[in-house]
Protein backbone atom coordinates (compact mmCIF):
# COMPACT_ATOMS: atom_id res chain seq x y z
CA UNK A 1 124.68 -161.18 22.49
CA UNK A 2 124.89 -165.09 21.72
CA UNK A 3 125.38 -165.98 24.94
CA UNK A 4 122.13 -162.97 26.39
CA UNK A 5 120.22 -165.20 23.27
CA UNK A 6 121.38 -168.71 24.80
CA UNK A 7 120.06 -167.31 28.19
CA UNK A 8 116.71 -166.37 26.53
CA UNK A 9 116.14 -169.23 25.13
CA UNK A 10 117.17 -171.18 27.87
CA UNK A 11 114.54 -169.01 30.03
CA UNK A 12 111.97 -169.53 27.71
CA UNK A 13 112.54 -173.84 27.39
CA UNK A 14 112.85 -173.78 31.50
CA UNK A 15 109.34 -171.74 31.50
CA UNK A 16 107.44 -174.00 28.54
CA UNK A 17 108.61 -177.00 29.43
CA UNK A 18 108.29 -176.72 33.29
CA UNK A 19 104.11 -175.48 32.90
CA UNK A 20 104.11 -178.45 29.99
CA UNK A 21 105.03 -180.65 33.04
CA UNK A 22 103.20 -178.89 35.90
CA UNK A 23 99.65 -179.17 33.90
CA UNK A 24 100.43 -182.99 32.88
CA UNK A 25 101.65 -183.54 36.55
CA UNK A 26 98.69 -181.97 37.90
CA UNK A 27 96.37 -183.90 35.69
CA UNK A 28 97.87 -187.31 36.82
CA UNK A 29 98.15 -186.25 40.74
CA UNK A 30 94.50 -184.67 40.67
CA UNK A 31 92.56 -185.14 38.04
CA UNK A 32 92.79 -188.53 36.81
CA UNK A 33 92.47 -189.68 40.47
CA UNK A 34 88.78 -187.72 40.64
CA UNK A 35 87.73 -189.14 37.22
CA UNK A 36 87.82 -192.21 38.68
CA UNK A 37 86.37 -191.34 41.41
CA UNK A 38 82.68 -189.74 40.27
CA UNK A 39 80.43 -191.58 38.17
CA UNK A 40 81.08 -193.01 34.53
CA UNK A 41 78.29 -190.61 32.99
CA UNK A 42 79.62 -187.14 34.78
CA UNK A 43 83.40 -188.35 34.42
CA UNK A 44 82.78 -188.35 30.27
CA UNK A 45 80.95 -185.30 29.97
CA UNK A 46 83.59 -183.78 31.98
CA UNK A 47 86.43 -184.94 30.01
CA UNK A 48 84.91 -184.19 27.20
CA UNK A 49 84.48 -180.29 27.74
CA UNK A 50 88.71 -180.79 29.55
CA UNK A 51 89.95 -181.66 26.70
CA UNK A 52 88.10 -179.07 24.54
CA UNK A 53 90.03 -176.48 26.47
CA UNK A 54 92.85 -178.32 26.69
CA UNK A 55 93.04 -178.77 22.80
CA UNK A 56 95.18 -175.24 22.06
CA UNK A 57 97.07 -174.79 25.50
CA UNK A 58 98.55 -178.07 25.93
CA UNK A 59 99.54 -178.22 22.23
CA UNK A 60 101.10 -174.65 21.86
CA UNK A 61 102.38 -176.09 25.76
CA UNK A 62 104.46 -178.78 24.25
CA UNK A 63 105.55 -176.83 20.76
CA UNK A 64 106.71 -174.45 22.59
CA UNK A 65 108.70 -177.09 24.69
CA UNK A 66 110.32 -178.78 21.74
CA UNK A 67 111.08 -175.55 19.26
CA UNK A 68 112.78 -173.79 22.94
CA UNK A 69 114.93 -176.84 23.54
CA UNK A 70 115.56 -177.54 20.30
CA UNK A 71 116.81 -174.30 19.24
CA UNK A 72 118.97 -174.17 22.69
CA UNK A 73 120.76 -177.65 21.41
CA UNK A 74 121.25 -175.96 17.78
CA UNK A 75 122.79 -172.65 19.61
CA UNK A 76 125.39 -174.47 22.42
CA UNK A 77 127.80 -177.18 21.42
CA UNK A 78 128.82 -180.20 24.07
CA UNK A 79 127.24 -181.91 26.61
CA UNK A 80 124.30 -178.83 26.82
CA UNK A 81 123.63 -179.48 22.96
CA UNK A 82 123.21 -182.91 24.80
CA UNK A 83 121.04 -181.94 27.38
CA UNK A 84 118.83 -179.89 25.48
CA UNK A 85 117.90 -181.97 22.41
CA UNK A 86 117.47 -184.87 24.69
CA UNK A 87 114.77 -182.29 26.51
CA UNK A 88 113.55 -181.35 22.61
CA UNK A 89 113.36 -184.86 21.99
CA UNK A 90 111.24 -185.56 24.92
CA UNK A 91 109.03 -182.73 24.35
CA UNK A 92 108.31 -184.01 20.47
CA UNK A 93 107.50 -187.48 22.62
CA UNK A 94 105.01 -185.91 24.72
CA UNK A 95 103.34 -184.65 22.02
CA UNK A 96 103.37 -188.01 19.77
CA UNK A 97 102.13 -189.59 22.96
CA UNK A 98 99.39 -187.46 22.87
CA UNK A 99 98.47 -187.01 19.58
CA UNK A 100 98.47 -190.92 18.40
CA UNK A 101 97.55 -192.26 22.05
CA UNK A 102 95.17 -189.78 23.95
CA UNK A 103 93.76 -187.41 21.18
CA UNK A 104 92.01 -190.59 19.79
CA UNK A 105 90.55 -192.08 22.76
CA UNK A 106 89.37 -188.51 23.64
CA UNK A 107 87.18 -188.62 20.24
CA UNK A 108 85.71 -191.71 21.51
CA UNK A 109 85.05 -190.27 24.91
CA UNK A 110 83.22 -187.01 23.42
CA UNK A 111 80.75 -189.78 21.77
CA UNK A 112 80.10 -191.94 24.66
CA UNK A 113 79.25 -188.87 26.18
CA UNK A 114 76.78 -187.77 23.97
CA UNK A 115 75.72 -191.40 23.71
CA UNK A 116 76.77 -193.67 25.96
CA UNK A 117 79.79 -195.70 26.81
CA UNK A 118 80.63 -199.18 25.52
CA UNK A 119 81.13 -202.44 27.49
CA UNK A 120 84.72 -202.35 27.53
CA UNK A 121 85.10 -198.44 28.43
CA UNK A 122 86.97 -199.59 31.50
CA UNK A 123 89.83 -200.91 29.31
CA UNK A 124 90.05 -197.99 27.29
CA UNK A 125 90.16 -195.89 29.78
CA UNK A 126 93.16 -197.23 31.30
CA UNK A 127 94.97 -196.94 27.89
CA UNK A 128 94.31 -193.50 28.23
CA UNK A 129 95.89 -193.52 31.65
CA UNK A 130 98.90 -195.29 30.58
CA UNK A 131 99.44 -192.93 27.90
CA UNK A 132 98.60 -189.52 29.95
CA UNK A 133 101.08 -191.07 32.33
CA UNK A 134 103.80 -191.73 29.56
CA UNK A 135 103.40 -188.27 28.30
CA UNK A 136 103.94 -186.49 31.56
CA UNK A 137 107.38 -188.65 32.57
CA UNK A 138 108.38 -187.78 29.45
CA UNK A 139 107.52 -184.15 30.13
CA UNK A 140 108.94 -184.02 33.56
CA UNK A 141 112.16 -185.60 32.45
CA UNK A 142 112.12 -183.32 29.46
CA UNK A 143 111.97 -180.30 32.77
CA UNK A 144 114.64 -182.54 33.95
CA UNK A 145 117.32 -182.13 31.56
CA UNK A 146 117.02 -178.46 31.22
CA UNK A 147 117.17 -178.24 34.60
CA UNK A 148 120.69 -180.27 34.93
CA UNK A 149 121.34 -178.02 31.62
CA UNK A 150 120.56 -174.42 33.81
CA UNK A 151 122.52 -175.99 36.79
CA UNK A 152 125.97 -175.48 35.57
CA UNK A 153 126.01 -172.63 34.05
CA UNK A 154 129.87 -172.52 34.07
CA UNK A 155 129.96 -174.95 31.86
CA UNK A 156 127.53 -173.34 28.83
CA UNK A 157 129.17 -169.97 29.60
CA UNK A 158 132.36 -171.63 28.62
CA UNK A 159 130.84 -173.75 25.53
CA UNK A 160 131.35 -171.88 22.32
CA UNK A 161 128.45 -171.43 20.36
CA UNK A 162 127.68 -172.28 16.83
CA UNK A 163 125.53 -169.20 15.82
């Protein structure tokens, strides 16, 4: 029964963290280059609208990734606990980078879309992109740790559970 719960939580952690890494990866590989290829007014309008739509889904994915990985860490021991805990902390890092880095800039972009961008807009947009790449790397690292944990099924099955 306990092992079944661990497997379910592990599956949820893999699914949510994979979705998070995939969404951030798609944005980094496709959206950011597209943002940079279109006229500034188009980028600002699209960016502002996209961030409004992403707000709930991306925060939900970050929360589900962090909570499921941290729950898995609580439910396991040994190396599995360290891998799951590391994944959970990386998911939390992606949330903090987003909340403290990208979101304030998104607010500025929304204002610019309604008015006009300041003279230093390129520097600010470059900062947004740096935060975007950092949160993407954190999400991919979290996903990689959970994949590594899942590849060693014998070890996970052999480790005693705490609850």
